[in-house]
């Protein structure tokens, strides 16, 4: 299959592919998504097949306007409307109970709930509008590998497997959306996956507590949101998280064991360890926002490096603000392994 790159002038052509059951990757402010019509079960099945994604892992439904959600959800609560008004379009996914049989079960993982988001990218909003149907949009990569934040990343994983890629440039945020569960109307909202919209921001708007779900989904349990159950974001090279105080010990240990090490960090740490390691991917500054934006690109770049790396050291951050989203992804990429002084 030939994979075509669509530019802004050819969105109508990309939308026609979607409407006819084909797959087109699309840009968002978070990561690139693998788009298919959310109303065509055969097209959604292709998404699972192309990604190698387990079919009990539900998909997020991408819409072009909040009013589209009302087709599938009865009686949106004042809380839901307030969140949509404040954060849509944007990196916030909301989970609702849906009308019976309003969406194919392959989209929902067989659950009575579905996740919805309006992405903050004009080309993708136009794509949804011109396709005249909502899109599923899991990350446009091989399942379990680092998510794609550029057209090149999508091409690397999926060229020859999908009909096209809508080129919207590099993503702005770099980690997937916050997922907030609103399926219990009388209960406390629960963050199932942290993202750029933080717990503190949600609580400030809602003027109430918001919980952060940290439980591990069991083997027999269907997750309510993507990224809760299966291994995610992992390159082929082993990843180890390093706390600020441990960099000297970590690089000394690696040298003593003759490991070729790659480093993902901001400029302060990068300059400190550059001469002691084989390769460095430097974030544009030392902030958690920069780390989140560069995480997946850095994992991919170092994993594919010609240096033949044995190990990747990645800077750990405090789990607050967007640092919670960054650490959520990094912990999964590293299989929760921190460097411990040997």
Protein backbone atom coordinates (compact mmCIF):
# COMPACT_ATOMS: atom_id res chain seq x y z
CA UNK A 1 0.00 0.00 0.00
CA UNK A 2 1.27 3.47 -0.88
CA UNK A 3 1.14 5.92 2.01
CA UNK A 4 0.42 9.46 0.82
CA UNK A 5 1.39 12.66 2.64
CA UNK A 6 -1.56 15.06 2.63
CA UNK A 7 -1.00 18.79 3.13
CA UNK A 8 -3.54 21.42 4.16
CA UNK A 9 -4.74 21.85 0.57
CA UNK A 10 -5.70 18.16 0.36
CA UNK A 11 -7.72 17.70 3.56
CA UNK A 12 -10.84 16.93 1.50
CA UNK A 13 -9.00 14.05 -0.16
CA UNK A 14 -7.89 12.71 3.22
CA UNK A 15 -11.47 13.03 4.53
CA UNK A 16 -12.75 10.99 1.57
CA UNK A 17 -10.31 8.22 2.47
CA UNK A 18 -11.68 8.22 6.03
CA UNK A 19 -15.32 8.23 4.89
CA UNK A 20 -14.62 5.24 2.64
CA UNK A 21 -13.14 3.16 5.47
CA UNK A 22 -9.43 3.97 5.06
CA UNK A 23 -6.84 5.02 7.65
CA UNK A 24 -5.20 8.44 7.76
CA UNK A 25 -2.87 9.59 10.54
CA UNK A 26 -3.60 13.11 11.76
CA UNK A 27 -1.83 15.78 13.83
CA UNK A 28 -2.97 17.06 17.20
CA UNK A 29 -1.41 19.30 19.82
CA UNK A 30 -0.42 16.19 21.82
CA UNK A 31 0.75 13.39 19.47
CA UNK A 32 -0.22 12.13 16.01
CA UNK A 33 -3.34 9.95 15.96
CA UNK A 34 -4.22 7.06 13.66
CA UNK A 35 -7.57 8.12 12.24
CA UNK A 36 -10.48 5.96 11.12
CA UNK A 37 -14.23 6.49 11.16
CA UNK A 38 -15.58 5.74 14.63
CA UNK A 39 -18.80 4.55 12.97
CA UNK A 40 -17.27 1.87 10.70
CA UNK A 41 -16.33 -1.27 12.69
CA UNK A 42 -14.24 -2.70 9.84
CA UNK A 43 -12.17 0.49 9.68
CA UNK A 44 -11.65 0.46 13.44
CA UNK A 45 -10.60 -3.20 13.24
CA UNK A 46 -7.90 -2.13 10.77
CA UNK A 47 -6.58 0.33 13.37
CA UNK A 48 -6.08 -2.47 15.87
CA UNK A 49 -4.48 -4.66 13.22
CA UNK A 50 -2.09 -2.01 11.88
CA UNK A 51 -0.94 -0.98 15.36
CA UNK A 52 -0.82 -4.48 16.80
CA UNK A 53 -3.04 -3.13 19.58
CA UNK A 54 -5.06 -5.40 21.95
CA UNK A 55 -8.74 -5.16 21.05
CA UNK A 56 -9.92 -4.70 24.66
CA UNK A 57 -8.06 -1.38 24.82
CA UNK A 58 -10.75 1.28 24.16
CA UNK A 59 -10.26 4.13 21.71
CA UNK A 60 -10.82 7.88 22.09
CA UNK A 61 -13.48 9.37 19.81
CA UNK A 62 -12.34 12.67 18.30
CA UNK A 63 -15.01 15.27 17.51
CA UNK A 64 -15.01 18.65 15.78
CA UNK A 65 -17.40 20.34 18.23
CA UNK A 66 -18.85 19.67 21.70
CA UNK A 67 -22.33 19.34 20.18
CA UNK A 68 -21.23 16.15 18.39
CA UNK A 69 -20.93 14.41 21.75
CA UNK A 70 -24.67 14.84 22.33
CA UNK A 71 -25.33 12.33 19.53
CA UNK A 72 -23.90 9.62 21.75
CA UNK A 73 -24.42 10.89 25.31
CA UNK A 74 -27.71 11.72 27.04
CA UNK A 75 -27.98 14.77 29.28
CA UNK A 76 -24.48 16.19 29.52
CA UNK A 77 -24.01 17.41 33.09
CA UNK A 78 -23.24 21.05 33.95
CA UNK A 79 -19.79 19.84 35.01
CA UNK A 80 -19.15 18.29 31.61
CA UNK A 81 -20.34 21.41 29.80
CA UNK A 82 -18.11 23.59 31.99
CA UNK A 83 -15.06 21.45 31.23
CA UNK A 84 -15.77 21.48 27.50
CA UNK A 85 -16.24 25.24 27.51
CA UNK A 86 -12.97 25.76 29.40
CA UNK A 87 -10.64 23.15 27.89
CA UNK A 88 -11.99 22.26 24.43
CA UNK A 89 -10.46 22.30 21.96
CA UNK A 90 -7.52 20.97 23.94
CA UNK A 91 -5.72 18.04 25.56
CA UNK A 92 -8.60 16.84 27.75
CA UNK A 93 -10.48 13.59 27.11
CA UNK A 94 -13.79 13.04 28.91
CA UNK A 95 -15.37 9.64 29.59
CA UNK A 96 -19.18 9.42 29.61
CA UNK A 97 -21.85 6.76 29.75
CA UNK A 98 -23.17 6.49 26.21
CA UNK A 99 -26.54 5.68 24.64
CA UNK A 100 -26.86 1.92 24.06
CA UNK A 101 -25.49 0.83 20.67
CA UNK A 102 -24.65 4.40 19.66
CA UNK A 103 -21.04 3.43 18.97
CA UNK A 104 -19.61 0.10 17.79
CA UNK A 105 -18.42 -2.10 20.66
CA UNK A 106 -15.00 -2.34 19.00
CA UNK A 107 -14.57 1.38 19.79
CA UNK A 108 -15.61 1.11 23.43
CA UNK A 109 -13.92 -2.19 24.26
CA UNK A 110 -17.39 -3.53 25.07
CA UNK A 111 -17.87 -1.03 27.90
CA UNK A 112 -21.02 1.11 28.39
CA UNK A 113 -18.75 4.18 28.35
CA UNK A 114 -16.75 6.03 25.69
CA UNK A 115 -14.03 8.66 25.72
CA UNK A 116 -14.36 11.90 23.72
CA UNK A 117 -11.98 14.72 22.86
CA UNK A 118 -11.90 17.79 20.61
CA UNK A 119 -8.28 18.21 19.46
CA UNK A 120 -6.70 21.65 19.27
CA UNK A 121 -5.45 21.46 15.70
CA UNK A 122 -7.29 23.23 12.87
CA UNK A 123 -6.32 20.71 10.20
CA UNK A 124 -7.68 17.79 12.18
CA UNK A 125 -10.88 19.64 13.10
CA UNK A 126 -11.34 20.30 9.36
CA UNK A 127 -10.65 16.63 8.63
CA UNK A 128 -13.40 15.52 11.04
CA UNK A 129 -15.82 18.10 9.65
CA UNK A 130 -15.21 17.10 6.04
CA UNK A 131 -15.39 13.37 6.80
CA UNK A 132 -18.76 14.15 8.47
CA UNK A 133 -18.16 11.61 11.21
CA UNK A 134 -16.11 11.35 14.40
CA UNK A 135 -12.73 9.64 14.27
CA UNK A 136 -11.00 7.17 16.51
CA UNK A 137 -7.42 8.26 16.97
CA UNK A 138 -4.99 6.18 19.06
CA UNK A 139 -1.36 7.19 18.70
CA UNK A 140 -0.12 6.55 15.15
CA UNK A 141 2.67 4.17 16.02
CA UNK A 142 3.35 0.49 16.58
CA UNK A 143 1.59 -0.42 19.83
CA UNK A 144 3.83 -0.19 22.89
CA UNK A 145 6.50 1.96 21.23
CA UNK A 146 7.12 5.69 21.83
CA UNK A 147 4.25 7.80 20.56
CA UNK A 148 4.80 9.86 17.37
CA UNK A 149 5.26 13.60 17.59
CA UNK A 150 6.18 14.22 13.92
CA UNK A 151 5.29 12.97 10.45
CA UNK A 152 8.68 11.21 10.29
CA UNK A 153 7.81 9.14 13.37
CA UNK A 154 4.50 8.05 11.83
CA UNK A 155 6.20 7.24 8.53
CA UNK A 156 8.84 5.17 10.32
CA UNK A 157 6.23 2.94 11.98
CA UNK A 158 3.32 2.85 9.54
CA UNK A 159 4.36 3.65 5.96
CA UNK A 160 3.00 1.03 3.60
CA UNK A 161 0.34 0.08 6.17
CA UNK A 162 -2.03 3.09 6.00
CA UNK A 163 -3.47 5.22 3.21
CA UNK A 164 -2.03 8.55 4.32
CA UNK A 165 -0.65 11.02 6.83
CA UNK A 166 -1.99 14.56 7.25
CA UNK A 167 1.10 16.71 7.79
CA UNK A 168 0.58 19.24 10.57
CA UNK A 169 4.19 19.69 11.64
CA UNK A 170 5.66 18.80 15.03
CA UNK A 171 3.27 18.52 17.97
CA UNK A 172 3.29 21.21 20.67
CA UNK A 173 2.78 19.23 23.88
CA UNK A 174 4.31 15.83 23.18
CA UNK A 175 2.34 13.61 25.60
CA UNK A 176 -1.19 12.32 25.21
CA UNK A 177 -4.26 14.06 26.62
CA UNK A 178 -5.46 13.98 30.19
CA UNK A 179 -8.27 11.43 30.53
CA UNK A 180 -10.99 12.33 33.06
CA UNK A 181 -13.71 9.85 33.99
CA UNK A 182 -17.14 11.47 34.38
CA UNK A 183 -19.14 8.26 34.04
CA UNK A 184 -20.38 8.35 37.65
CA UNK A 185 -22.60 11.49 37.73
CA UNK A 186 -22.77 11.52 41.53
CA UNK A 187 -19.13 10.56 42.12
CA UNK A 188 -15.84 12.39 42.18
CA UNK A 189 -14.19 12.97 38.77
CA UNK A 190 -11.19 10.66 38.34
CA UNK A 191 -8.09 11.22 36.23
CA UNK A 192 -7.31 7.89 34.57
CA UNK A 193 -4.33 9.22 32.61
CA UNK A 194 -2.46 12.45 33.46
CA UNK A 195 -1.67 14.92 30.70
CA UNK A 196 -1.09 18.62 30.05
CA UNK A 197 -4.39 19.57 31.74
CA UNK A 198 -3.40 19.03 35.36
CA UNK A 199 -5.29 17.94 38.44
CA UNK A 200 -4.79 21.44 39.85
CA UNK A 201 -6.28 23.09 36.75
CA UNK A 202 -9.32 20.82 36.81
CA UNK A 203 -9.92 21.42 40.51
CA UNK A 204 -9.62 25.19 40.03
CA UNK A 205 -12.32 25.18 37.33
CA UNK A 206 -14.65 22.70 39.04
CA UNK A 207 -14.07 24.03 42.58
CA UNK A 208 -14.05 20.47 43.89
CA UNK A 209 -11.66 17.59 44.42
CA UNK A 210 -10.47 15.50 41.51
CA UNK A 211 -8.93 12.08 42.15
CA UNK A 212 -5.92 10.57 40.39
CA UNK A 213 -6.34 6.85 39.70
CA UNK A 214 -3.06 4.98 40.24
CA UNK A 215 -4.31 1.38 40.29
CA UNK A 216 -2.81 -1.17 37.92
CA UNK A 217 -5.37 -2.78 35.62
CA UNK A 218 -5.43 -6.54 36.08
CA UNK A 219 -5.05 -9.09 33.28
CA UNK A 220 -8.78 -9.85 33.19
CA UNK A 221 -9.97 -6.24 33.46
CA UNK A 222 -10.92 -4.04 30.51
CA UNK A 223 -9.33 -0.59 30.93
CA UNK A 224 -11.58 2.47 30.65
CA UNK A 225 -8.88 4.52 28.96
CA UNK A 226 -5.84 3.91 26.75
CA UNK A 227 -2.46 3.36 28.38
CA UNK A 228 -3.76 1.84 31.63
CA UNK A 229 -3.07 -1.86 31.06
CA UNK A 230 -0.45 -2.73 28.49
CA UNK A 231 3.22 -1.87 28.17
CA UNK A 232 3.57 1.54 26.54
CA UNK A 233 6.10 3.99 25.16
CA UNK A 234 9.08 1.62 25.35
CA UNK A 235 11.99 1.71 22.89
CA UNK A 236 14.03 -1.41 22.23
CA UNK A 237 16.90 -0.09 24.34
CA UNK A 238 16.61 -0.48 28.12
CA UNK A 239 15.58 2.77 29.85
CA UNK A 240 16.53 3.73 33.39
CA UNK A 241 15.24 6.81 35.24
CA UNK A 242 17.82 8.94 37.07
CA UNK A 243 17.08 11.32 39.93
CA UNK A 244 18.93 14.65 40.10
CA UNK A 245 21.26 13.54 42.90
CA UNK A 246 22.24 10.28 41.18
CA UNK A 247 23.75 11.39 37.86
CA UNK A 248 27.40 11.16 38.94
CA UNK A 249 26.89 7.69 40.39
CA UNK A 250 24.88 6.55 37.38
CA UNK A 251 27.50 7.61 34.81
CA UNK A 252 30.33 6.15 36.92
CA UNK A 253 28.49 2.84 37.17
CA UNK A 254 27.87 2.78 33.43
CA UNK A 255 31.54 3.50 32.67
CA UNK A 256 32.69 0.80 35.09
CA UNK A 257 30.48 -1.71 33.28
CA UNK A 258 31.52 -0.48 29.80
CA UNK A 259 27.94 0.41 28.85
CA UNK A 260 27.32 2.76 25.95
CA UNK A 261 24.79 5.15 27.44
CA UNK A 262 22.41 7.65 25.87
CA UNK A 263 20.99 10.51 27.94
CA UNK A 264 17.65 12.35 27.78
CA UNK A 265 17.82 15.51 29.87
CA UNK A 266 17.71 19.29 29.94
CA UNK A 267 20.78 21.41 29.19
CA UNK A 268 22.11 21.57 32.77
CA UNK A 269 22.39 17.80 33.16
CA UNK A 270 23.25 17.23 29.49
CA UNK A 271 26.34 19.45 29.71
CA UNK A 272 27.40 17.81 32.97
CA UNK A 273 27.39 14.26 31.57
CA UNK A 274 28.07 14.82 27.86
CA UNK A 275 31.73 13.77 27.97
CA UNK A 276 30.97 10.66 30.03
CA UNK A 277 28.24 9.21 27.79
CA UNK A 278 27.94 8.08 24.17
CA UNK A 279 24.97 10.19 23.01
CA UNK A 280 22.78 12.99 24.38
CA UNK A 281 19.27 14.13 23.45
CA UNK A 282 18.87 17.54 25.05
CA UNK A 283 15.51 19.12 25.82
CA UNK A 284 15.35 22.83 24.92
CA UNK A 285 15.36 23.85 28.60
CA UNK A 286 15.28 22.27 32.05
CA UNK A 287 11.50 22.45 32.56
CA UNK A 288 9.04 19.57 32.83
CA UNK A 289 7.16 21.08 29.86
CA UNK A 290 10.26 20.76 27.69
CA UNK A 291 10.86 17.21 28.93
CA UNK A 292 7.29 16.19 28.10
CA UNK A 293 7.50 17.72 24.63
CA UNK A 294 10.80 15.97 23.88
CA UNK A 295 10.34 12.63 25.62
CA UNK A 296 9.03 10.48 22.77
CA UNK A 297 11.21 12.12 20.14
CA UNK A 298 14.24 11.63 22.39
CA UNK A 299 13.47 7.98 23.07
CA UNK A 300 13.12 7.35 19.35
CA UNK A 301 16.25 9.29 18.37
CA UNK A 302 18.49 7.54 20.88
CA UNK A 303 16.97 4.12 20.24
CA UNK A 304 17.70 4.49 16.53
CA UNK A 305 21.14 6.02 17.07
CA UNK A 306 24.10 4.57 15.15
CA UNK A 307 26.05 4.67 18.42
CA UNK A 308 24.75 1.19 19.33
CA UNK A 309 23.58 2.16 22.81
CA UNK A 310 23.19 -0.40 25.60
CA UNK A 311 21.19 1.79 27.95
CA UNK A 312 19.24 5.07 28.09
CA UNK A 313 19.33 7.33 31.16
CA UNK A 314 16.34 9.69 31.39
CA UNK A 315 15.94 12.56 33.84
CA UNK A 316 13.26 12.08 36.48
CA UNK A 317 11.05 15.04 37.47
CA UNK A 318 8.78 15.80 40.44
CA UNK A 319 5.30 14.40 39.80
CA UNK A 320 3.44 17.69 39.85
CA UNK A 321 1.83 19.71 37.07
CA UNK A 322 2.80 18.35 33.66
CA UNK A 323 5.62 16.50 35.43
CA UNK A 324 2.99 13.96 36.48
CA UNK A 325 2.18 13.26 32.81
CA UNK A 326 5.87 13.09 31.87
CA UNK A 327 6.66 10.65 34.69
CA UNK A 328 3.58 8.54 33.90
CA UNK A 329 4.97 7.89 30.40
CA UNK A 330 8.61 7.63 31.44
CA UNK A 331 7.88 5.07 34.16
CA UNK A 332 6.17 2.85 31.60
CA UNK A 333 9.02 3.28 29.11
CA UNK A 334 11.49 2.34 31.86
CA UNK A 335 9.36 -0.48 33.29
CA UNK A 336 9.40 1.57 36.54
CA UNK A 337 13.19 1.12 36.88
CA UNK A 338 15.22 3.86 38.58
CA UNK A 339 18.98 3.86 38.78
CA UNK A 340 19.98 2.71 42.26
CA UNK A 341 23.59 3.27 43.35
CA UNK A 342 25.33 -0.08 43.03
